[in-house]
């Protein structure tokens, strides 16, 4: 099950950025919010397996808006692993269910 809220850390060239990710899914789709640096970034996508999904969104930063495509999976119903691919490179996000 992927639904839930996760504390997360985003590894960037500027260092780690902490925040939360909320995932809400049904049988075929997923949506949610990535909250970092005081900003809420909504995303939408599809559920690919019971514990995996893929989605796209815009990541708002002080330096501008960055579009991304992400793949995500939840391991043992507690640990989140996400890779976001952007024009600025790939970023890994790791999280733990709250």
PDB file of N, CA and C in Angstrom:
ATOM      1  N   UNK A   1       0.837  -1.185   0.000  1.00  0.00           N
ATOM      2  CA  UNK A   1       0.000   0.000   0.000  1.00  0.00           C
ATOM      3  C   UNK A   1       0.881   1.246   0.000  1.00  0.00           C
ATOM      4  N   UNK A   2       0.593   2.177  -0.893  1.00  0.00           N
ATOM      5  CA  UNK A   2       1.407   3.388  -0.972  1.00  0.00           C
ATOM      6  C   UNK A   2       0.774   4.582  -0.278  1.00  0.00           C
ATOM      7  N   UNK A   3      -0.521   4.536  -0.027  1.00  0.00           N
ATOM      8  CA  UNK A   3      -1.208   5.687   0.569  1.00  0.00           C
ATOM      9  C   UNK A   3      -0.626   6.038   1.934  1.00  0.00           C
ATOM     10  N   UNK A   4      -0.454   7.337   2.165  1.00  0.00           N
ATOM     11  CA  UNK A   4       0.023   7.789   3.459  1.00  0.00           C
ATOM     12  C   UNK A   4       0.850   9.051   3.339  1.00  0.00           C
ATOM     13  N   UNK A   5       1.343   9.497   4.490  1.00  0.00           N
ATOM     14  CA  UNK A   5       2.200  10.677   4.551  1.00  0.00           C
ATOM     15  C   UNK A   5       3.571  10.228   5.031  1.00  0.00           C
ATOM     16  N   UNK A   6       4.613  10.740   4.378  1.00  0.00           N
ATOM     17  CA  UNK A   6       5.978  10.317   4.635  1.00  0.00           C
ATOM     18  C   UNK A   6       6.864  11.526   4.940  1.00  0.00           C
ATOM     19  N   UNK A   7       7.686  11.433   5.986  1.00  0.00           N
ATOM     20  CA  UNK A   7       8.771  12.393   6.175  1.00  0.00           C
ATOM     21  C   UNK A   7       9.822  12.040   5.147  1.00  0.00           C
ATOM     22  N   UNK A   8      10.399  13.030   4.490  1.00  0.00           N
ATOM     23  CA  UNK A   8      11.349  12.714   3.433  1.00  0.00           C
ATOM     24  C   UNK A   8      12.532  13.680   3.420  1.00  0.00           C
ATOM     25  N   UNK A   9      13.558  13.247   2.704  1.00  0.00           N
ATOM     26  CA  UNK A   9      14.748  14.054   2.499  1.00  0.00           C
ATOM     27  C   UNK A   9      15.099  13.985   1.023  1.00  0.00           C
ATOM     28  N   UNK A  10      15.226  15.141   0.385  1.00  0.00           N
ATOM     29  CA  UNK A  10      15.550  15.257  -1.028  1.00  0.00           C
ATOM     30  C   UNK A  10      17.017  15.637  -1.141  1.00  0.00           C
ATOM     31  N   UNK A  11      17.807  14.782  -1.803  1.00  0.00           N
ATOM     32  CA  UNK A  11      19.226  15.061  -1.995  1.00  0.00           C
ATOM     33  C   UNK A  11      19.420  15.910  -3.238  1.00  0.00           C
ATOM     34  N   UNK A  12      19.957  17.122  -3.075  1.00  0.00           N
ATOM     35  CA  UNK A  12      20.182  18.051  -4.186  1.00  0.00           C
ATOM     36  C   UNK A  12      21.639  18.485  -4.182  1.00  0.00           C
ATOM     37  N   UNK A  13      22.090  19.122  -5.274  1.00  0.00           N
ATOM     38  CA  UNK A  13      23.459  19.657  -5.287  1.00  0.00           C
ATOM     39  C   UNK A  13      23.699  20.701  -4.195  1.00  0.00           C
ATOM     40  N   UNK A  14      22.622  21.335  -3.696  1.00  0.00           N
ATOM     41  CA  UNK A  14      22.743  22.337  -2.642  1.00  0.00           C
ATOM     42  C   UNK A  14      22.691  21.708  -1.250  1.00  0.00           C
ATOM     43  N   UNK A  15      22.522  20.395  -1.185  1.00  0.00           N
ATOM     44  CA  UNK A  15      22.416  19.706   0.093  1.00  0.00           C
ATOM     45  C   UNK A  15      21.045  19.092   0.273  1.00  0.00           C
ATOM     46  N   UNK A  16      20.822  18.489   1.431  1.00  0.00           N
ATOM     47  CA  UNK A  16      19.557  17.820   1.713  1.00  0.00           C
ATOM     48  C   UNK A  16      18.458  18.832   2.027  1.00  0.00           C
ATOM     49  N   UNK A  17      17.268  18.577   1.491  1.00  0.00           N
ATOM     50  CA  UNK A  17      16.088  19.388   1.767  1.00  0.00           C
ATOM     51  C   UNK A  17      15.051  18.453   2.385  1.00  0.00           C
ATOM     52  N   UNK A  18      14.574  18.788   3.571  1.00  0.00           N
ATOM     53  CA  UNK A  18      13.598  17.959   4.258  1.00  0.00           C
ATOM     54  C   UNK A  18      12.179  18.420   3.958  1.00  0.00           C
ATOM     55  N   UNK A  19      11.231  17.488   4.033  1.00  0.00           N
ATOM     56  CA  UNK A  19       9.836  17.820   3.795  1.00  0.00           C
ATOM     57  C   UNK A  19       8.953  16.612   4.004  1.00  0.00           C
ATOM     58  N   UNK A  20       7.771  16.652   3.400  1.00  0.00           N
ATOM     59  CA  UNK A  20       6.842  15.530   3.466  1.00  0.00           C
ATOM     60  C   UNK A  20       6.253  15.254   2.092  1.00  0.00           C
ATOM     61  N   UNK A  21       5.850  14.022   1.888  1.00  0.00           N
ATOM     62  CA  UNK A  21       5.132  13.607   0.681  1.00  0.00           C
ATOM     63  C   UNK A  21       3.872  12.892   1.135  1.00  0.00           C
ATOM     64  N   UNK A  22       2.734  13.290   0.568  1.00  0.00           N
ATOM     65  CA  UNK A  22       1.466  12.622   0.837  1.00  0.00           C
ATOM     66  C   UNK A  22       1.021  11.941  -0.446  1.00  0.00           C
ATOM     67  N   UNK A  23       0.719  10.645  -0.372  1.00  0.00           N
ATOM     68  CA  UNK A  23       0.251   9.869  -1.523  1.00  0.00           C
ATOM     69  C   UNK A  23      -1.168   9.378  -1.260  1.00  0.00           C
ATOM     70  N   UNK A  24      -2.041   9.549  -2.260  1.00  0.00           N
ATOM     71  CA  UNK A  24      -3.412   9.047  -2.210  1.00  0.00           C
ATOM     72  C   UNK A  24      -3.668   8.341  -3.531  1.00  0.00           C
ATOM     73  N   UNK A  25      -4.101   7.074  -3.477  1.00  0.00           N
ATOM     74  CA  UNK A  25      -4.284   6.313  -4.716  1.00  0.00           C
ATOM     75  C   UNK A  25      -5.622   5.594  -4.721  1.00  0.00           C
ATOM     76  N   UNK A  26      -5.984   5.164  -5.926  1.00  0.00           N
ATOM     77  CA  UNK A  26      -7.067   4.213  -6.079  1.00  0.00           C
ATOM     78  C   UNK A  26      -6.484   3.061  -6.889  1.00  0.00           C
ATOM     79  N   UNK A  27      -7.277   2.287  -7.561  1.00  0.00           N
ATOM     80  CA  UNK A  27      -6.752   1.125  -8.279  1.00  0.00           C
ATOM     81  C   UNK A  27      -5.824   1.490  -9.429  1.00  0.00           C
ATOM     82  N   UNK A  28      -6.006   2.661 -10.055  1.00  0.00           N
ATOM     83  CA  UNK A  28      -5.220   2.991 -11.245  1.00  0.00           C
ATOM     84  C   UNK A  28      -4.470   4.317 -11.176  1.00  0.00           C
ATOM     85  N   UNK A  29      -4.839   5.220 -10.287  1.00  0.00           N
ATOM     86  CA  UNK A  29      -4.199   6.535 -10.292  1.00  0.00           C
ATOM     87  C   UNK A  29      -3.653   6.894  -8.911  1.00  0.00           C
ATOM     88  N   UNK A  30      -2.786   7.902  -8.926  1.00  0.00           N
ATOM     89  CA  UNK A  30      -2.202   8.413  -7.688  1.00  0.00           C
ATOM     90  C   UNK A  30      -2.146   9.933  -7.783  1.00  0.00           C
ATOM     91  N   UNK A  31      -2.306  10.579  -6.667  1.00  0.00           N
ATOM     92  CA  UNK A  31      -2.126  12.022  -6.587  1.00  0.00           C
ATOM     93  C   UNK A  31      -1.548  12.332  -5.223  1.00  0.00           C
ATOM     94  N   UNK A  32      -1.046  13.535  -5.086  1.00  0.00           N
ATOM     95  CA  UNK A  32      -0.493  13.878  -3.792  1.00  0.00           C
ATOM     96  C   UNK A  32       0.120  15.253  -3.749  1.00  0.00           C
ATOM     97  N   UNK A  33       0.843  15.494  -2.656  1.00  0.00           N
ATOM     98  CA  UNK A  33       1.478  16.790  -2.423  1.00  0.00           C
ATOM     99  C   UNK A  33       2.881  16.551  -1.888  1.00  0.00           C
ATOM    100  N   UNK A  34       3.842  17.239  -2.473  1.00  0.00           N
ATOM    101  CA  UNK A  34       5.215  17.281  -1.978  1.00  0.00           C
ATOM    102  C   UNK A  34       5.393  18.636  -1.308  1.00  0.00           C
ATOM    103  N   UNK A  35       5.670  18.628  -0.002  1.00  0.00           N
ATOM    104  CA  UNK A  35       5.823  19.872   0.755  1.00  0.00           C
ATOM    105  C   UNK A  35       7.281  20.027   1.180  1.00  0.00           C
ATOM    106  N   UNK A  36       7.930  21.084   0.676  1.00  0.00           N
ATOM    107  CA  UNK A  36       9.312  21.402   1.046  1.00  0.00           C
ATOM    108  C   UNK A  36       9.480  22.913   1.044  1.00  0.00           C
ATOM    109  N   UNK A  37      10.390  23.395   1.845  1.00  0.00           N
ATOM    110  CA  UNK A  37      10.749  24.810   1.888  1.00  0.00           C
ATOM    111  C   UNK A  37       9.516  25.710   2.005  1.00  0.00           C
ATOM    112  N   UNK A  38       8.505  25.258   2.738  1.00  0.00           N
ATOM    113  CA  UNK A  38       7.298  26.047   2.938  1.00  0.00           C
ATOM    114  C   UNK A  38       6.371  26.102   1.735  1.00  0.00           C
ATOM    115  N   UNK A  39       6.632  25.280   0.714  1.00  0.00           N
ATOM    116  CA  UNK A  39       5.805  25.277  -0.501  1.00  0.00           C
ATOM    117  C   UNK A  39       5.132  23.931  -0.675  1.00  0.00           C
ATOM    118  N   UNK A  40       3.903  23.952  -1.210  1.00  0.00           N
ATOM    119  CA  UNK A  40       3.154  22.732  -1.500  1.00  0.00           C
ATOM    120  C   UNK A  40       3.111  22.543  -3.007  1.00  0.00           C
ATOM    121  N   UNK A  41       3.570  21.380  -3.462  1.00  0.00           N
ATOM    122  CA  UNK A  41       3.637  21.063  -4.883  1.00  0.00           C
ATOM    123  C   UNK A  41       2.779  19.830  -5.158  1.00  0.00           C
ATOM    124  N   UNK A  42       1.658  20.020  -5.865  1.00  0.00           N
ATOM    125  CA  UNK A  42       0.755  18.917  -6.181  1.00  0.00           C
ATOM    126  C   UNK A  42       1.283  18.113  -7.362  1.00  0.00           C
ATOM    127  N   UNK A  43       0.913  16.821  -7.399  1.00  0.00           N
ATOM    128  CA  UNK A  43       1.289  15.971  -8.529  1.00  0.00           C
ATOM    129  C   UNK A  43       0.173  14.963  -8.801  1.00  0.00           C
ATOM    130  N   UNK A  44       0.196  14.407 -10.015  1.00  0.00           N
ATOM    131  CA  UNK A  44      -0.773  13.401 -10.455  1.00  0.00           C
ATOM    132  C   UNK A  44      -0.067  12.357 -11.286  1.00  0.00           C
ATOM    133  N   UNK A  45      -0.570  11.111 -11.228  1.00  0.00           N
ATOM    134  CA  UNK A  45       0.034  10.062 -12.034  1.00  0.00           C
ATOM    135  C   UNK A  45      -0.761   8.783 -11.978  1.00  0.00           C
ATOM    136  N   UNK A  46      -0.038   7.675 -12.150  1.00  0.00           N
ATOM    137  CA  UNK A  46      -0.705   6.378 -12.198  1.00  0.00           C
ATOM    138  C   UNK A  46      -0.056   5.406 -11.217  1.00  0.00           C
ATOM    139  N   UNK A  47      -0.871   4.518 -10.743  1.00  0.00           N
ATOM    140  CA  UNK A  47      -0.401   3.442  -9.877  1.00  0.00           C
ATOM    141  C   UNK A  47       0.010   2.301 -10.789  1.00  0.00           C
ATOM    142  N   UNK A  48       1.262   1.832 -10.679  1.00  0.00           N
ATOM    143  CA  UNK A  48       1.755   0.796 -11.579  1.00  0.00           C
ATOM    144  C   UNK A  48       1.709  -0.589 -10.944  1.00  0.00           C
ATOM    145  N   UNK A  49       1.828  -0.656  -9.622  1.00  0.00           N
ATOM    146  CA  UNK A  49       1.716  -1.890  -8.845  1.00  0.00           C
ATOM    147  C   UNK A  49       1.127  -1.507  -7.497  1.00  0.00           C
ATOM    148  N   UNK A  50       0.850  -2.490  -6.668  1.00  0.00           N
ATOM    149  CA  UNK A  50       0.269  -2.194  -5.353  1.00  0.00           C
ATOM    150  C   UNK A  50       1.161  -1.264  -4.538  1.00  0.00           C
ATOM    151  N   UNK A  51       2.481  -1.376  -4.706  1.00  0.00           N
ATOM    152  CA  UNK A  51       3.405  -0.561  -3.918  1.00  0.00           C
ATOM    153  C   UNK A  51       4.270   0.368  -4.777  1.00  0.00           C
ATOM    154  N   UNK A  52       3.869   0.625  -6.026  1.00  0.00           N
ATOM    155  CA  UNK A  52       4.641   1.485  -6.924  1.00  0.00           C
ATOM    156  C   UNK A  52       3.730   2.429  -7.700  1.00  0.00           C
ATOM    157  N   UNK A  53       4.301   3.600  -8.062  1.00  0.00           N
ATOM    158  CA  UNK A  53       3.553   4.561  -8.866  1.00  0.00           C
ATOM    159  C   UNK A  53       4.529   5.426  -9.665  1.00  0.00           C
ATOM    160  N   UNK A  54       3.986   6.155 -10.612  1.00  0.00           N
ATOM    161  CA  UNK A  54       4.747   7.103 -11.426  1.00  0.00           C
ATOM    162  C   UNK A  54       3.887   8.352 -11.567  1.00  0.00           C
ATOM    163  N   UNK A  55       4.529   9.528 -11.479  1.00  0.00           N
ATOM    164  CA  UNK A  55       3.758  10.765 -11.575  1.00  0.00           C
ATOM    165  C   UNK A  55       4.617  11.906 -12.076  1.00  0.00           C
ATOM    166  N   UNK A  56       3.942  12.998 -12.460  1.00  0.00           N
ATOM    167  CA  UNK A  56       4.631  14.205 -12.926  1.00  0.00           C
ATOM    168  C   UNK A  56       4.130  15.392 -12.104  1.00  0.00           C
ATOM    169  N   UNK A  57       4.962  16.408 -12.060  1.00  0.00           N
ATOM    170  CA  UNK A  57       4.582  17.606 -11.335  1.00  0.00           C
ATOM    171  C   UNK A  57       5.565  18.724 -11.558  1.00  0.00           C
ATOM    172  N   UNK A  58       5.352  19.818 -10.867  1.00  0.00           N
ATOM    173  CA  UNK A  58       6.239  20.978 -10.891  1.00  0.00           C
ATOM    174  C   UNK A  58       6.757  21.197  -9.483  1.00  0.00           C
ATOM    175  N   UNK A  59       8.057  21.338  -9.360  1.00  0.00           N
ATOM    176  CA  UNK A  59       8.690  21.576  -8.075  1.00  0.00           C
ATOM    177  C   UNK A  59       9.041  23.051  -8.003  1.00  0.00           C
ATOM    178  N   UNK A  60       8.353  23.785  -7.121  1.00  0.00           N
ATOM    179  CA  UNK A  60       8.608  25.217  -6.969  1.00  0.00           C
ATOM    180  C   UNK A  60       9.817  25.432  -6.077  1.00  0.00           C
ATOM    181  N   UNK A  61      10.796  26.191  -6.583  1.00  0.00           N
ATOM    182  CA  UNK A  61      12.003  26.490  -5.820  1.00  0.00           C
ATOM    183  C   UNK A  61      12.211  28.000  -5.823  1.00  0.00           C
ATOM    184  N   UNK A  62      13.063  28.499  -4.937  1.00  0.00           N
ATOM    185  CA  UNK A  62      13.373  29.934  -4.957  1.00  0.00           C
ATOM    186  C   UNK A  62      13.987  30.383  -6.295  1.00  0.00           C
ATOM    187  N   UNK A  63      14.560  29.422  -7.043  1.00  0.00           N
ATOM    188  CA  UNK A  63      15.185  29.756  -8.329  1.00  0.00           C
ATOM    189  C   UNK A  63      14.258  29.523  -9.512  1.00  0.00           C
ATOM    190  N   UNK A  64      13.000  29.169  -9.263  1.00  0.00           N
ATOM    191  CA  UNK A  64      12.049  28.964 -10.354  1.00  0.00           C
ATOM    192  C   UNK A  64      11.371  27.614 -10.278  1.00  0.00           C
ATOM    193  N   UNK A  65      10.556  27.350 -11.277  1.00  0.00           N
ATOM    194  CA  UNK A  65       9.766  26.139 -11.364  1.00  0.00           C
ATOM    195  C   UNK A  65      10.537  25.067 -12.138  1.00  0.00           C
ATOM    196  N   UNK A  66      10.573  23.841 -11.616  1.00  0.00           N
ATOM    197  CA  UNK A  66      11.250  22.730 -12.286  1.00  0.00           C
ATOM    198  C   UNK A  66      10.234  21.614 -12.498  1.00  0.00           C
ATOM    199  N   UNK A  67      10.010  21.225 -13.745  1.00  0.00           N
ATOM    200  CA  UNK A  67       9.117  20.107 -14.057  1.00  0.00           C
ATOM    201  C   UNK A  67       9.868  18.803 -13.811  1.00  0.00           C
ATOM    202  N   UNK A  68       9.134  17.780 -13.349  1.00  0.00           N
ATOM    203  CA  UNK A  68       9.772  16.493 -13.093  1.00  0.00           C
ATOM    204  C   UNK A  68       8.846  15.334 -13.443  1.00  0.00           C
ATOM    205  N   UNK A  69       9.463  14.189 -13.681  1.00  0.00           N
ATOM    206  CA  UNK A  69       8.794  12.906 -13.818  1.00  0.00           C
ATOM    207  C   UNK A  69       9.389  12.016 -12.743  1.00  0.00           C
ATOM    208  N   UNK A  70       8.545  11.352 -11.969  1.00  0.00           N
ATOM    209  CA  UNK A  70       9.034  10.574 -10.841  1.00  0.00           C
ATOM    210  C   UNK A  70       8.519   9.144 -10.871  1.00  0.00           C
ATOM    211  N   UNK A  71       9.337   8.247 -10.345  1.00  0.00           N
ATOM    212  CA  UNK A  71       8.921   6.887 -10.054  1.00  0.00           C
ATOM    213  C   UNK A  71       9.089   6.689  -8.558  1.00  0.00           C
ATOM    214  N   UNK A  72       8.168   5.946  -7.976  1.00  0.00           N
ATOM    215  CA  UNK A  72       8.134   5.835  -6.526  1.00  0.00           C
ATOM    216  C   UNK A  72       7.738   4.422  -6.135  1.00  0.00           C
ATOM    217  N   UNK A  73       8.308   3.935  -5.034  1.00  0.00           N
ATOM    218  CA  UNK A  73       7.860   2.663  -4.482  1.00  0.00           C
ATOM    219  C   UNK A  73       7.948   2.723  -2.972  1.00  0.00           C
ATOM    220  N   UNK A  74       7.091   1.933  -2.336  1.00  0.00           N
ATOM    221  CA  UNK A  74       7.067   1.834  -0.888  1.00  0.00           C
ATOM    222  C   UNK A  74       7.478   0.415  -0.524  1.00  0.00           C
ATOM    223  N   UNK A  75       8.479   0.319   0.344  1.00  0.00           N
ATOM    224  CA  UNK A  75       9.038  -0.973   0.748  1.00  0.00           C
ATOM    225  C   UNK A  75       8.548  -1.311   2.152  1.00  0.00           C
ATOM    226  N   UNK A  76       8.045  -2.531   2.317  1.00  0.00           N
ATOM    227  CA  UNK A  76       7.560  -3.033   3.616  1.00  0.00           C
ATOM    228  C   UNK A  76       6.533  -2.103   4.255  1.00  0.00           C
ATOM    229  N   UNK A  77       5.791  -1.391   3.442  1.00  0.00           N
ATOM    230  CA  UNK A  77       4.716  -0.510   3.900  1.00  0.00           C
ATOM    231  C   UNK A  77       5.207   0.623   4.808  1.00  0.00           C
ATOM    232  N   UNK A  78       6.524   0.894   4.817  1.00  0.00           N
ATOM    233  CA  UNK A  78       7.054   1.930   5.713  1.00  0.00           C
ATOM    234  C   UNK A  78       8.060   2.868   5.055  1.00  0.00           C
ATOM    235  N   UNK A  79       8.834   2.377   4.099  1.00  0.00           N
ATOM    236  CA  UNK A  79       9.938   3.154   3.533  1.00  0.00           C
ATOM    237  C   UNK A  79       9.635   3.561   2.093  1.00  0.00           C
ATOM    238  N   UNK A  80       9.798   4.848   1.793  1.00  0.00           N
ATOM    239  CA  UNK A  80       9.530   5.395   0.463  1.00  0.00           C
ATOM    240  C   UNK A  80      10.851   5.634  -0.264  1.00  0.00           C
ATOM    241  N   UNK A  81      10.913   5.206  -1.517  1.00  0.00           N
ATOM    242  CA  UNK A  81      12.053   5.493  -2.388  1.00  0.00           C
ATOM    243  C   UNK A  81      11.506   6.127  -3.661  1.00  0.00           C
ATOM    244  N   UNK A  82      12.023   7.273  -4.020  1.00  0.00           N
ATOM    245  CA  UNK A  82      11.520   8.024  -5.164  1.00  0.00           C
ATOM    246  C   UNK A  82      12.694   8.592  -5.950  1.00  0.00           C
ATOM    247  N   UNK A  83      12.599   8.550  -7.275  1.00  0.00           N
ATOM    248  CA  UNK A  83      13.581   9.191  -8.141  1.00  0.00           C
ATOM    249  C   UNK A  83      12.834  10.171  -9.028  1.00  0.00           C
ATOM    250  N   UNK A  84      13.233  11.443  -8.973  1.00  0.00           N
ATOM    251  CA  UNK A  84      12.626  12.494  -9.798  1.00  0.00           C
ATOM    252  C   UNK A  84      13.617  12.902 -10.874  1.00  0.00           C
ATOM    253  N   UNK A  85      13.225  12.759 -12.136  1.00  0.00           N
ATOM    254  CA  UNK A  85      14.065  13.161 -13.259  1.00  0.00           C
ATOM    255  C   UNK A  85      13.625  14.538 -13.746  1.00  0.00           C
ATOM    256  N   UNK A  86      14.597  15.465 -13.838  1.00  0.00           N
ATOM    257  CA  UNK A  86      14.325  16.840 -14.253  1.00  0.00           C
ATOM    258  C   UNK A  86      15.352  17.266 -15.290  1.00  0.00           C
ATOM    259  N   UNK A  87      15.162  18.448 -15.837  1.00  0.00           N
ATOM    260  CA  UNK A  87      16.158  19.004 -16.764  1.00  0.00           C
ATOM    261  C   UNK A  87      17.440  19.386 -16.025  1.00  0.00           C
ATOM    262  N   UNK A  88      17.391  19.442 -14.707  1.00  0.00           N
ATOM    263  CA  UNK A  88      18.554  19.770 -13.868  1.00  0.00           C
ATOM    264  C   UNK A  88      19.257  18.519 -13.356  1.00  0.00           C
ATOM    265  N   UNK A  89      18.775  17.339 -13.753  1.00  0.00           N
ATOM    266  CA  UNK A  89      19.347  16.081 -13.298  1.00  0.00           C
ATOM    267  C   UNK A  89      18.336  15.237 -12.550  1.00  0.00           C
ATOM    268  N   UNK A  90      18.802  14.110 -12.035  1.00  0.00           N
ATOM    269  CA  UNK A  90      17.962  13.199 -11.265  1.00  0.00           C
ATOM    270  C   UNK A  90      18.195  13.430  -9.781  1.00  0.00           C
ATOM    271  N   UNK A  91      17.099  13.364  -9.022  1.00  0.00           N
ATOM    272  CA  UNK A  91      17.164  13.585  -7.579  1.00  0.00           C
ATOM    273  C   UNK A  91      16.507  12.408  -6.872  1.00  0.00           C
ATOM    274  N   UNK A  92      17.133  11.922  -5.816  1.00  0.00           N
ATOM    275  CA  UNK A  92      16.585  10.831  -5.029  1.00  0.00           C
ATOM    276  C   UNK A  92      15.935  11.392  -3.772  1.00  0.00           C
ATOM    277  N   UNK A  93      14.769  10.847  -3.483  1.00  0.00           N
ATOM    278  CA  UNK A  93      14.059  11.206  -2.258  1.00  0.00           C
ATOM    279  C   UNK A  93      13.831   9.916  -1.480  1.00  0.00           C
ATOM    280  N   UNK A  94      14.177   9.949  -0.214  1.00  0.00           N
ATOM    281  CA  UNK A  94      13.926   8.820   0.656  1.00  0.00           C
ATOM    282  C   UNK A  94      13.037   9.284   1.779  1.00  0.00           C
ATOM    283  N   UNK A  95      12.116   8.406   2.194  1.00  0.00           N
ATOM    284  CA  UNK A  95      11.204   8.810   3.247  1.00  0.00           C
ATOM    285  C   UNK A  95      10.773   7.659   4.116  1.00  0.00           C
ATOM    286  N   UNK A  96      10.119   8.014   5.197  1.00  0.00           N
ATOM    287  CA  UNK A  96       9.601   7.025   6.147  1.00  0.00           C
ATOM    288  C   UNK A  96       8.183   7.424   6.516  1.00  0.00           C
ATOM    289  N   UNK A  97       7.293   6.427   6.524  1.00  0.00           N
ATOM    290  CA  UNK A  97       5.883   6.677   6.834  1.00  0.00           C
ATOM    291  C   UNK A  97       5.764   7.315   8.217  1.00  0.00           C
ATOM    292  N   UNK A  98       4.916   8.325   8.321  1.00  0.00           N
ATOM    293  CA  UNK A  98       4.689   9.012   9.603  1.00  0.00           C
ATOM    294  C   UNK A  98       3.697   8.243  10.441  1.00  0.00           C
TER     295      UNK A  98
END
